[in-house]
Amino acid sequence: MKPVYPSIRSHLIISMLMYVLTGHALAERADRDKPTNIEANQMFYDESKQLNTFIGNVVVTRGTLVMHGEKLVLKKDSAGYQFGTLFAPSGGVATFRQKRDGGKDLWMEGYAADRIEYDTKTEIAKLFKRSKVKMLDGSKITDEVEGEYISYDTRAEFYTANNTASGESKPGAGRVRAVIQPREKEIKGDDK
């Protein structure tokens, strides 16, 4: 998936959404030691509230992680945990792409039409409205999950996908979709 803003070159500091939605393999461990960079058209910081807001063509990078959105709001609590929300531009999507450990060319991509939230205390990521997460081996999609709401617990490596952006599943509200490709072992019939 190509970034929504391919011409934007930007960066920031969040250890959030980069470990998000990692499926069978973890986000590249080396990214943890990299600085986070954020670029935007504007930045506002309220020290008394521990609130940092970036507005306009926001680009976040940390190692192999690259995220794009229109607005990023970071809030830090008294214990030092951060809660971040990356908002999609009007009519567009908030996106991320990150390399995964476990192979030379393994990647993860995701997007949401409303916002992506991440809480460093719970290590849970949430994607809202027309959300999709894809695992890739090079350019080949290996797995894909789609729904109005996707939640991913990075500690337990557990996904939830629902048919409404509220996170509740409601009859008649639509369907979630998953595509799981056969693995090399399954194709060869090798159980070992």
N, C-alpha and C. Protein backbone atom coordinates (compact mmCIF):
# COMPACT_ATOMS: atom_id res chain seq x y z
N MET A 1 0.84 -1.17 0.00
CA MET A 1 0.00 0.00 0.00
C MET A 1 0.88 1.23 0.00
N LYS A 2 0.64 2.13 -0.89
CA LYS A 2 1.42 3.36 -0.95
C LYS A 2 0.92 4.32 0.10
N PRO A 3 1.83 5.12 0.72
CA PRO A 3 1.38 6.10 1.70
C PRO A 3 0.39 7.07 1.08
N VAL A 4 -0.51 7.59 1.92
CA VAL A 4 -1.49 8.55 1.45
C VAL A 4 -0.80 9.82 0.97
N TYR A 5 0.30 10.21 1.63
CA TYR A 5 1.03 11.42 1.28
C TYR A 5 2.46 11.07 0.88
N PRO A 6 2.66 10.51 -0.32
CA PRO A 6 4.00 10.09 -0.70
C PRO A 6 4.99 11.24 -0.79
N SER A 7 4.55 12.47 -0.97
CA SER A 7 5.48 13.58 -1.11
C SER A 7 5.88 14.18 0.24
N ILE A 8 5.25 13.75 1.33
CA ILE A 8 5.55 14.31 2.65
C ILE A 8 6.77 13.62 3.24
N ARG A 9 7.72 14.40 3.75
CA ARG A 9 8.90 13.85 4.41
C ARG A 9 8.88 14.41 5.83
N SER A 10 8.61 13.54 6.86
CA SER A 10 8.50 14.06 8.22
C SER A 10 8.86 13.03 9.29
N HIS A 11 8.84 13.47 10.65
CA HIS A 11 9.21 12.58 11.78
C HIS A 11 8.74 13.04 13.19
N LEU A 12 8.82 12.11 14.44
CA LEU A 12 8.53 12.46 15.90
C LEU A 12 9.03 11.50 16.96
N ILE A 13 8.38 11.51 18.20
CA ILE A 13 8.85 10.68 19.31
C ILE A 13 7.77 9.85 19.99
N ILE A 14 7.34 8.81 19.45
CA ILE A 14 6.38 7.99 20.17
C ILE A 14 6.79 6.55 20.08
N SER A 15 6.75 5.89 21.17
CA SER A 15 7.02 4.46 21.18
C SER A 15 5.69 3.75 21.14
N MET A 16 4.72 4.35 20.48
CA MET A 16 3.39 3.79 20.44
C MET A 16 3.20 2.92 19.25
N LEU A 17 2.36 3.20 18.40
CA LEU A 17 1.81 2.42 17.32
C LEU A 17 2.81 1.53 16.58
N MET A 18 4.11 1.60 16.92
CA MET A 18 5.06 0.83 16.13
C MET A 18 5.06 -0.65 16.47
N TYR A 19 4.60 -1.02 17.63
CA TYR A 19 4.55 -2.44 17.97
C TYR A 19 3.15 -2.99 17.76
N VAL A 20 2.36 -2.20 17.10
CA VAL A 20 0.96 -2.50 16.88
C VAL A 20 0.79 -3.58 15.84
N LEU A 21 -0.19 -4.39 16.01
CA LEU A 21 -0.67 -5.29 14.97
C LEU A 21 0.41 -6.14 14.35
N THR A 22 1.17 -6.87 15.16
CA THR A 22 2.31 -7.59 14.65
C THR A 22 2.04 -9.06 14.35
N GLY A 23 0.86 -9.55 14.56
CA GLY A 23 0.49 -10.90 14.14
C GLY A 23 1.46 -11.97 14.57
N HIS A 24 1.99 -12.73 13.60
CA HIS A 24 2.84 -13.89 13.89
C HIS A 24 4.27 -13.51 14.22
N ALA A 25 4.71 -12.34 13.88
CA ALA A 25 6.08 -11.93 14.14
C ALA A 25 6.05 -10.55 14.78
N LEU A 26 7.03 -10.30 15.63
CA LEU A 26 7.08 -9.01 16.31
C LEU A 26 7.62 -7.93 15.40
N ALA A 27 7.25 -6.69 15.72
CA ALA A 27 7.82 -5.55 15.02
C ALA A 27 9.33 -5.62 15.20
N GLU A 28 10.05 -5.08 14.26
CA GLU A 28 11.50 -5.20 14.31
C GLU A 28 12.03 -4.69 15.65
N ARG A 29 12.70 -5.58 16.40
CA ARG A 29 13.20 -5.23 17.73
C ARG A 29 14.17 -4.06 17.69
N ALA A 30 14.94 -3.95 16.63
CA ALA A 30 15.92 -2.86 16.53
C ALA A 30 15.25 -1.49 16.55
N ASP A 31 13.98 -1.41 16.16
CA ASP A 31 13.27 -0.12 16.15
C ASP A 31 13.13 0.46 17.56
N ARG A 32 13.12 -0.40 18.58
CA ARG A 32 12.95 0.06 19.96
C ARG A 32 14.06 1.00 20.40
N ASP A 33 15.25 0.80 19.83
CA ASP A 33 16.41 1.60 20.21
C ASP A 33 16.60 2.85 19.35
N LYS A 34 15.70 3.06 18.43
CA LYS A 34 15.82 4.19 17.51
C LYS A 34 15.06 5.39 18.06
N PRO A 35 15.54 6.60 17.75
CA PRO A 35 14.78 7.79 18.15
C PRO A 35 13.50 7.89 17.32
N THR A 36 12.48 8.47 17.90
CA THR A 36 11.24 8.73 17.18
C THR A 36 11.27 10.17 16.71
N ASN A 37 10.91 10.37 15.47
CA ASN A 37 10.90 11.71 14.89
C ASN A 37 9.50 12.02 14.39
N ILE A 38 9.08 13.26 14.56
CA ILE A 38 7.77 13.68 14.07
C ILE A 38 7.95 14.99 13.31
N GLU A 39 7.29 15.06 12.18
CA GLU A 39 7.23 16.32 11.44
C GLU A 39 5.77 16.63 11.19
N ALA A 40 5.45 17.90 11.23
CA ALA A 40 4.08 18.37 11.01
C ALA A 40 4.14 19.84 10.63
N ASN A 41 3.01 20.40 10.26
CA ASN A 41 2.95 21.83 9.95
C ASN A 41 2.95 22.68 11.20
N GLN A 42 2.40 22.13 12.31
CA GLN A 42 2.33 22.87 13.59
C GLN A 42 2.52 21.91 14.74
N MET A 43 2.99 22.44 15.88
CA MET A 43 3.09 21.67 17.11
C MET A 43 2.69 22.55 18.28
N PHE A 44 1.90 21.98 19.20
CA PHE A 44 1.51 22.67 20.43
C PHE A 44 1.87 21.75 21.59
N TYR A 45 2.49 22.32 22.65
CA TYR A 45 2.84 21.52 23.82
C TYR A 45 2.36 22.23 25.07
N ASP A 46 1.54 21.52 25.86
CA ASP A 46 1.04 22.04 27.13
C ASP A 46 1.69 21.22 28.24
N GLU A 47 2.75 21.76 28.83
CA GLU A 47 3.51 21.02 29.84
C GLU A 47 2.65 20.69 31.07
N SER A 48 1.79 21.60 31.49
CA SER A 48 0.97 21.35 32.69
C SER A 48 0.03 20.17 32.49
N LYS A 49 -0.42 19.94 31.26
CA LYS A 49 -1.31 18.82 30.96
C LYS A 49 -0.57 17.62 30.37
N GLN A 50 0.75 17.79 30.14
CA GLN A 50 1.55 16.75 29.48
C GLN A 50 0.90 16.32 28.16
N LEU A 51 0.53 17.32 27.37
CA LEU A 51 -0.19 17.10 26.12
C LEU A 51 0.59 17.72 24.96
N ASN A 52 0.88 16.90 23.96
CA ASN A 52 1.60 17.35 22.78
C ASN A 52 0.72 17.10 21.57
N THR A 53 0.51 18.11 20.74
CA THR A 53 -0.36 18.00 19.56
C THR A 53 0.41 18.44 18.32
N PHE A 54 0.37 17.59 17.31
CA PHE A 54 0.98 17.88 16.02
C PHE A 54 -0.13 17.94 14.99
N ILE A 55 -0.14 18.97 14.14
CA ILE A 55 -1.23 19.16 13.17
C ILE A 55 -0.66 19.42 11.78
N GLY A 56 -1.27 18.81 10.78
CA GLY A 56 -0.96 19.07 9.38
C GLY A 56 0.10 18.16 8.80
N ASN A 57 -0.32 17.24 7.96
CA ASN A 57 0.61 16.34 7.26
C ASN A 57 1.63 15.72 8.22
N VAL A 58 1.14 15.08 9.27
CA VAL A 58 2.00 14.50 10.29
C VAL A 58 2.66 13.23 9.75
N VAL A 59 3.96 13.13 9.95
CA VAL A 59 4.70 11.92 9.60
C VAL A 59 5.53 11.53 10.81
N VAL A 60 5.38 10.29 11.25
CA VAL A 60 6.10 9.75 12.39
C VAL A 60 7.04 8.68 11.87
N THR A 61 8.31 8.71 12.28
CA THR A 61 9.24 7.64 11.92
C THR A 61 10.00 7.20 13.16
N ARG A 62 10.24 5.90 13.22
CA ARG A 62 11.09 5.33 14.27
C ARG A 62 11.65 4.04 13.69
N GLY A 63 12.91 4.08 13.32
CA GLY A 63 13.50 2.92 12.66
C GLY A 63 12.76 2.64 11.36
N THR A 64 12.21 1.44 11.25
CA THR A 64 11.50 1.07 10.02
C THR A 64 10.04 1.50 10.04
N LEU A 65 9.54 1.97 11.17
CA LEU A 65 8.15 2.40 11.29
C LEU A 65 7.96 3.75 10.62
N VAL A 66 6.94 3.85 9.78
CA VAL A 66 6.55 5.13 9.17
C VAL A 66 5.04 5.24 9.29
N MET A 67 4.55 6.36 9.83
CA MET A 67 3.12 6.60 10.00
C MET A 67 2.76 7.94 9.38
N HIS A 68 1.56 8.01 8.81
CA HIS A 68 1.06 9.24 8.22
C HIS A 68 -0.34 9.54 8.75
N GLY A 69 -0.61 10.80 9.03
CA GLY A 69 -1.93 11.23 9.45
C GLY A 69 -2.04 12.74 9.36
N GLU A 70 -3.19 13.25 9.73
CA GLU A 70 -3.40 14.70 9.69
C GLU A 70 -3.11 15.34 11.04
N LYS A 71 -3.33 14.58 12.13
CA LYS A 71 -3.15 15.13 13.48
C LYS A 71 -2.71 14.01 14.42
N LEU A 72 -1.79 14.33 15.31
CA LEU A 72 -1.32 13.39 16.32
C LEU A 72 -1.42 14.06 17.68
N VAL A 73 -2.11 13.41 18.62
CA VAL A 73 -2.24 13.92 19.98
C VAL A 73 -1.60 12.90 20.92
N LEU A 74 -0.61 13.35 21.71
CA LEU A 74 0.09 12.51 22.67
C LEU A 74 -0.15 13.04 24.08
N LYS A 75 -0.60 12.16 24.95
CA LYS A 75 -0.85 12.53 26.36
C LYS A 75 -0.02 11.60 27.23
N LYS A 76 0.72 12.16 28.19
CA LYS A 76 1.52 11.36 29.11
C LYS A 76 0.92 11.44 30.50
N ASP A 77 0.77 10.27 31.17
CA ASP A 77 0.23 10.29 32.53
C ASP A 77 1.35 10.45 33.55
N SER A 78 0.99 10.53 34.83
CA SER A 78 1.97 10.78 35.89
C SER A 78 2.99 9.65 36.03
N ALA A 79 2.64 8.45 35.59
CA ALA A 79 3.57 7.32 35.65
C ALA A 79 4.48 7.26 34.42
N GLY A 80 4.26 8.15 33.45
CA GLY A 80 5.10 8.19 32.26
C GLY A 80 4.56 7.41 31.08
N TYR A 81 3.40 6.78 31.23
CA TYR A 81 2.79 6.07 30.10
C TYR A 81 2.21 7.08 29.12
N GLN A 82 2.23 6.72 27.84
CA GLN A 82 1.70 7.62 26.82
C GLN A 82 0.47 7.01 26.16
N PHE A 83 -0.46 7.88 25.81
CA PHE A 83 -1.63 7.50 25.03
C PHE A 83 -1.61 8.39 23.80
N GLY A 84 -1.59 7.77 22.64
CA GLY A 84 -1.51 8.54 21.41
C GLY A 84 -2.66 8.25 20.48
N THR A 85 -3.09 9.28 19.78
CA THR A 85 -4.13 9.15 18.76
C THR A 85 -3.65 9.83 17.49
N LEU A 86 -3.61 9.05 16.40
CA LEU A 86 -3.25 9.57 15.09
C LEU A 86 -4.53 9.62 14.26
N PHE A 87 -4.93 10.83 13.86
CA PHE A 87 -6.17 11.04 13.13
C PHE A 87 -5.92 11.05 11.62
N ALA A 88 -6.89 10.50 10.89
CA ALA A 88 -6.83 10.49 9.42
C ALA A 88 -7.21 11.87 8.89
N PRO A 89 -6.68 12.24 7.73
CA PRO A 89 -7.13 13.49 7.10
C PRO A 89 -8.56 13.32 6.59
N SER A 90 -9.26 14.40 6.41
CA SER A 90 -10.63 14.37 5.90
C SER A 90 -10.66 13.64 4.56
N GLY A 91 -11.48 12.60 4.48
CA GLY A 91 -11.60 11.83 3.24
C GLY A 91 -10.45 10.87 3.00
N GLY A 92 -9.48 10.79 3.91
CA GLY A 92 -8.31 9.91 3.73
C GLY A 92 -8.20 8.88 4.84
N VAL A 93 -7.00 8.37 5.03
CA VAL A 93 -6.76 7.36 6.06
C VAL A 93 -5.46 7.67 6.82
N ALA A 94 -5.42 7.27 8.09
CA ALA A 94 -4.18 7.25 8.87
C ALA A 94 -3.50 5.93 8.55
N THR A 95 -2.19 5.94 8.32
CA THR A 95 -1.50 4.73 7.88
C THR A 95 -0.26 4.46 8.72
N PHE A 96 0.16 3.19 8.70
CA PHE A 96 1.47 2.83 9.23
C PHE A 96 2.05 1.69 8.41
N ARG A 97 3.37 1.60 8.41
CA ARG A 97 4.10 0.51 7.77
C ARG A 97 5.34 0.27 8.61
N GLN A 98 5.62 -1.02 8.91
CA GLN A 98 6.79 -1.34 9.72
C GLN A 98 7.32 -2.72 9.36
N LYS A 99 8.63 -2.84 9.39
CA LYS A 99 9.28 -4.13 9.16
C LYS A 99 9.03 -5.01 10.38
N ARG A 100 8.90 -6.34 10.12
CA ARG A 100 8.73 -7.31 11.20
C ARG A 100 9.99 -8.16 11.31
N ASP A 101 10.26 -8.64 12.53
CA ASP A 101 11.35 -9.59 12.73
C ASP A 101 10.96 -10.93 12.12
N GLY A 102 11.94 -11.77 11.87
CA GLY A 102 11.66 -13.12 11.41
C GLY A 102 11.98 -13.37 9.95
N GLY A 103 12.43 -12.38 9.23
CA GLY A 103 12.76 -12.59 7.82
C GLY A 103 13.29 -11.33 7.20
N LYS A 104 13.90 -11.49 6.04
CA LYS A 104 14.55 -10.37 5.37
C LYS A 104 13.57 -9.30 4.89
N ASP A 105 12.40 -9.71 4.40
CA ASP A 105 11.50 -8.74 3.77
C ASP A 105 10.07 -8.88 4.29
N LEU A 106 9.92 -9.03 5.61
CA LEU A 106 8.59 -9.14 6.23
C LEU A 106 8.14 -7.77 6.70
N TRP A 107 6.90 -7.39 6.36
CA TRP A 107 6.37 -6.07 6.69
C TRP A 107 4.95 -6.19 7.23
N MET A 108 4.50 -5.14 7.87
CA MET A 108 3.14 -5.00 8.32
C MET A 108 2.66 -3.63 7.88
N GLU A 109 1.43 -3.56 7.38
CA GLU A 109 0.83 -2.28 6.98
C GLU A 109 -0.57 -2.21 7.56
N GLY A 110 -1.01 -1.02 7.86
CA GLY A 110 -2.36 -0.86 8.34
C GLY A 110 -2.88 0.54 8.06
N TYR A 111 -4.21 0.64 8.07
CA TYR A 111 -4.80 1.97 7.92
C TYR A 111 -6.19 2.00 8.54
N ALA A 112 -6.63 3.22 8.84
CA ALA A 112 -7.96 3.45 9.41
C ALA A 112 -8.47 4.78 8.88
N ALA A 113 -9.76 4.84 8.56
CA ALA A 113 -10.35 6.05 7.98
C ALA A 113 -10.63 7.12 9.03
N ASP A 114 -10.67 6.77 10.32
CA ASP A 114 -10.90 7.77 11.35
C ASP A 114 -9.63 8.03 12.16
N ARG A 115 -9.17 7.00 12.90
CA ARG A 115 -8.01 7.21 13.77
C ARG A 115 -7.39 5.88 14.19
N ILE A 116 -6.15 5.98 14.67
CA ILE A 116 -5.43 4.86 15.27
C ILE A 116 -5.03 5.31 16.67
N GLU A 117 -5.38 4.51 17.68
CA GLU A 117 -5.04 4.83 19.07
C GLU A 117 -4.09 3.78 19.61
N TYR A 118 -3.17 4.21 20.51
CA TYR A 118 -2.29 3.25 21.17
C TYR A 118 -2.01 3.71 22.59
N ASP A 119 -2.10 2.78 23.52
CA ASP A 119 -1.87 3.05 24.93
C ASP A 119 -0.64 2.26 25.35
N THR A 120 0.45 2.94 25.77
CA THR A 120 1.67 2.23 26.15
C THR A 120 1.52 1.46 27.46
N LYS A 121 0.54 1.81 28.29
CA LYS A 121 0.33 1.08 29.55
C LYS A 121 -0.30 -0.28 29.29
N THR A 122 -1.34 -0.32 28.49
CA THR A 122 -2.03 -1.59 28.19
C THR A 122 -1.43 -2.29 26.98
N GLU A 123 -0.68 -1.56 26.17
CA GLU A 123 -0.10 -2.05 24.93
C GLU A 123 -1.18 -2.58 23.98
N ILE A 124 -2.27 -1.83 23.93
CA ILE A 124 -3.36 -2.16 23.02
C ILE A 124 -3.50 -1.06 21.97
N ALA A 125 -3.59 -1.51 20.72
CA ALA A 125 -3.79 -0.59 19.60
C ALA A 125 -5.21 -0.77 19.09
N LYS A 126 -5.82 0.34 18.68
CA LYS A 126 -7.18 0.31 18.14
C LYS A 126 -7.23 1.10 16.85
N LEU A 127 -7.86 0.53 15.82
CA LEU A 127 -8.05 1.21 14.54
C LEU A 127 -9.54 1.38 14.32
N PHE A 128 -9.96 2.58 13.93
CA PHE A 128 -11.38 2.90 13.82
C PHE A 128 -11.77 3.27 12.40
N LYS A 129 -12.83 2.71 11.91
CA LYS A 129 -13.51 2.96 10.62
C LYS A 129 -12.71 2.47 9.42
N ARG A 130 -13.36 1.61 8.66
CA ARG A 130 -12.76 1.04 7.44
C ARG A 130 -11.29 0.71 7.66
N SER A 131 -11.04 -0.12 8.68
CA SER A 131 -9.68 -0.45 9.10
C SER A 131 -9.20 -1.72 8.41
N LYS A 132 -7.90 -1.76 8.18
CA LYS A 132 -7.30 -2.94 7.57
C LYS A 132 -5.88 -3.08 8.07
N VAL A 133 -5.47 -4.33 8.32
CA VAL A 133 -4.09 -4.65 8.68
C VAL A 133 -3.64 -5.78 7.77
N LYS A 134 -2.45 -5.62 7.18
CA LYS A 134 -1.92 -6.64 6.28
C LYS A 134 -0.52 -7.03 6.72
N MET A 135 -0.23 -8.35 6.66
CA MET A 135 1.12 -8.87 6.84
C MET A 135 1.65 -9.17 5.45
N LEU A 136 2.89 -8.76 5.18
CA LEU A 136 3.46 -8.97 3.85
C LEU A 136 4.81 -9.67 3.93
N ASP A 137 5.07 -10.49 2.92
CA ASP A 137 6.38 -11.08 2.70
C ASP A 137 6.82 -10.51 1.37
N GLY A 138 7.65 -9.47 1.43
CA GLY A 138 7.96 -8.70 0.23
C GLY A 138 6.71 -7.93 -0.16
N SER A 139 6.24 -8.12 -1.38
CA SER A 139 5.00 -7.46 -1.80
C SER A 139 3.80 -8.41 -1.73
N LYS A 140 4.04 -9.67 -1.34
CA LYS A 140 2.97 -10.67 -1.25
C LYS A 140 2.25 -10.57 0.09
N ILE A 141 0.94 -10.39 0.06
CA ILE A 141 0.14 -10.35 1.29
C ILE A 141 0.01 -11.76 1.82
N THR A 142 0.43 -11.98 3.09
CA THR A 142 0.32 -13.30 3.70
C THR A 142 -0.94 -13.42 4.54
N ASP A 143 -1.32 -12.38 5.24
CA ASP A 143 -2.55 -12.36 6.04
C ASP A 143 -3.14 -10.97 5.99
N GLU A 144 -4.47 -10.89 6.19
CA GLU A 144 -5.15 -9.60 6.10
C GLU A 144 -6.40 -9.65 6.98
N VAL A 145 -6.63 -8.60 7.76
CA VAL A 145 -7.83 -8.48 8.60
C VAL A 145 -8.46 -7.13 8.29
N GLU A 146 -9.80 -7.11 8.16
CA GLU A 146 -10.50 -5.90 7.78
C GLU A 146 -11.79 -5.78 8.60
N GLY A 147 -12.11 -4.58 9.05
CA GLY A 147 -13.35 -4.34 9.78
C GLY A 147 -13.50 -2.87 10.11
N GLU A 148 -14.64 -2.51 10.64
CA GLU A 148 -14.87 -1.12 11.06
C GLU A 148 -14.03 -0.78 12.29
N TYR A 149 -13.67 -1.81 13.06
CA TYR A 149 -12.89 -1.62 14.28
C TYR A 149 -11.96 -2.82 14.42
N ILE A 150 -10.68 -2.55 14.63
CA ILE A 150 -9.71 -3.62 14.90
C ILE A 150 -8.97 -3.23 16.16
N SER A 151 -8.90 -4.17 17.10
CA SER A 151 -8.14 -3.98 18.33
C SER A 151 -7.06 -5.05 18.37
N TYR A 152 -5.86 -4.67 18.80
CA TYR A 152 -4.78 -5.64 18.88
C TYR A 152 -4.04 -5.47 20.20
N ASP A 153 -4.02 -6.53 21.00
CA ASP A 153 -3.28 -6.57 22.25
C ASP A 153 -1.88 -7.07 21.91
N THR A 154 -0.89 -6.18 21.97
CA THR A 154 0.45 -6.55 21.55
C THR A 154 1.13 -7.52 22.50
N ARG A 155 0.74 -7.53 23.78
CA ARG A 155 1.32 -8.48 24.74
C ARG A 155 0.84 -9.90 24.47
N ALA A 156 -0.47 -10.04 24.31
CA ALA A 156 -1.07 -11.36 24.11
C ALA A 156 -1.10 -11.78 22.65
N GLU A 157 -0.75 -10.85 21.74
CA GLU A 157 -0.83 -11.08 20.30
C GLU A 157 -2.23 -11.59 19.93
N PHE A 158 -3.24 -10.79 20.32
CA PHE A 158 -4.64 -11.17 20.17
C PHE A 158 -5.40 -10.08 19.43
N TYR A 159 -6.05 -10.45 18.33
CA TYR A 159 -6.85 -9.53 17.52
C TYR A 159 -8.32 -9.61 17.88
N THR A 160 -9.02 -8.51 17.73
CA THR A 160 -10.47 -8.46 17.73
C THR A 160 -10.87 -7.58 16.57
N ALA A 161 -11.81 -8.04 15.77
CA ALA A 161 -12.32 -7.21 14.68
C ALA A 161 -13.84 -7.22 14.80
N ASN A 162 -14.44 -6.04 14.69
CA ASN A 162 -15.89 -5.91 14.81
C ASN A 162 -16.45 -5.12 13.64
N ASN A 163 -17.78 -5.22 13.50
CA ASN A 163 -18.43 -4.60 12.34
C ASN A 163 -18.93 -3.18 12.58
N THR A 164 -18.65 -2.60 13.76
CA THR A 164 -18.98 -1.19 14.00
C THR A 164 -17.76 -0.49 14.58
N ALA A 165 -17.64 0.79 14.33
CA ALA A 165 -16.51 1.57 14.82
C ALA A 165 -16.53 1.75 16.33
N SER A 166 -17.65 1.42 16.98
CA SER A 166 -17.73 1.53 18.45
C SER A 166 -17.03 0.36 19.13
N GLY A 167 -16.69 -0.67 18.37
CA GLY A 167 -16.05 -1.85 18.95
C GLY A 167 -17.05 -2.92 19.33
N GLU A 168 -18.33 -2.62 19.17
CA GLU A 168 -19.38 -3.61 19.43
C GLU A 168 -19.78 -4.25 18.11
N SER A 169 -20.11 -5.52 18.16
CA SER A 169 -20.61 -6.20 16.98
C SER A 169 -22.13 -6.09 16.99
N LYS A 170 -22.70 -5.65 15.88
CA LYS A 170 -24.16 -5.49 15.81
C LYS A 170 -24.68 -6.21 14.58
N PRO A 171 -25.77 -6.97 14.73
CA PRO A 171 -26.37 -7.65 13.59
C PRO A 171 -26.75 -6.65 12.50
N GLY A 172 -26.43 -7.00 11.26
CA GLY A 172 -26.80 -6.16 10.12
C GLY A 172 -25.89 -4.98 9.87
N ALA A 173 -24.86 -4.79 10.70
CA ALA A 173 -23.99 -3.62 10.56
C ALA A 173 -22.86 -3.85 9.56
N GLY A 174 -22.76 -5.00 9.00
CA GLY A 174 -21.68 -5.31 8.08
C GLY A 174 -20.92 -6.53 8.54
N ARG A 175 -19.83 -6.81 7.89
CA ARG A 175 -19.07 -8.02 8.17
C ARG A 175 -17.60 -7.66 8.38
N VAL A 176 -16.90 -8.48 9.12
CA VAL A 176 -15.44 -8.40 9.19
C VAL A 176 -14.91 -9.43 8.20
N ARG A 177 -13.66 -9.25 7.80
CA ARG A 177 -13.10 -10.15 6.80
C ARG A 177 -11.66 -10.47 7.17
N ALA A 178 -11.28 -11.73 6.99
CA ALA A 178 -9.89 -12.14 7.19
C ALA A 178 -9.48 -13.04 6.04
N VAL A 179 -8.28 -12.86 5.56
CA VAL A 179 -7.70 -13.73 4.55
C VAL A 179 -6.40 -14.25 5.12
N ILE A 180 -6.33 -15.57 5.27
CA ILE A 180 -5.14 -16.21 5.85
C ILE A 180 -4.56 -17.13 4.79
N GLN A 181 -3.39 -16.81 4.31
CA GLN A 181 -2.75 -17.60 3.26
C GLN A 181 -2.10 -18.84 3.85
N PRO A 182 -2.05 -19.94 3.08
CA PRO A 182 -1.36 -21.14 3.57
C PRO A 182 0.13 -20.86 3.73
N ARG A 183 0.72 -21.45 4.75
CA ARG A 183 2.15 -21.29 4.99
C ARG A 183 2.92 -22.34 4.22
N GLU A 184 4.21 -22.12 4.05
CA GLU A 184 5.09 -23.04 3.31
C GLU A 184 4.93 -24.46 3.81
N LYS A 185 4.91 -24.69 5.14
CA LYS A 185 4.77 -26.02 5.71
C LYS A 185 3.46 -26.67 5.26
N GLU A 186 2.38 -25.88 5.28
CA GLU A 186 1.06 -26.40 4.90
C GLU A 186 1.04 -26.80 3.43
N ILE A 187 1.68 -26.00 2.60
CA ILE A 187 1.69 -26.27 1.16
C ILE A 187 2.48 -27.55 0.86
N LYS A 188 3.62 -27.73 1.54
CA LYS A 188 4.47 -28.91 1.32
C LYS A 188 3.97 -30.13 2.08
N GLY A 189 3.02 -29.95 3.03
CA GLY A 189 2.53 -31.07 3.83
C GLY A 189 3.48 -31.47 4.92
N ASP A 190 4.40 -30.59 5.29
CA ASP A 190 5.40 -30.86 6.31
C ASP A 190 4.89 -30.35 7.66
N ASP A 191 4.67 -31.26 8.60
CA ASP A 191 4.17 -30.89 9.93
C ASP A 191 5.28 -30.54 10.90
N LYS A 192 6.50 -30.72 10.49
CA LYS A 192 7.61 -30.54 11.44
C LYS A 192 8.16 -29.16 11.41
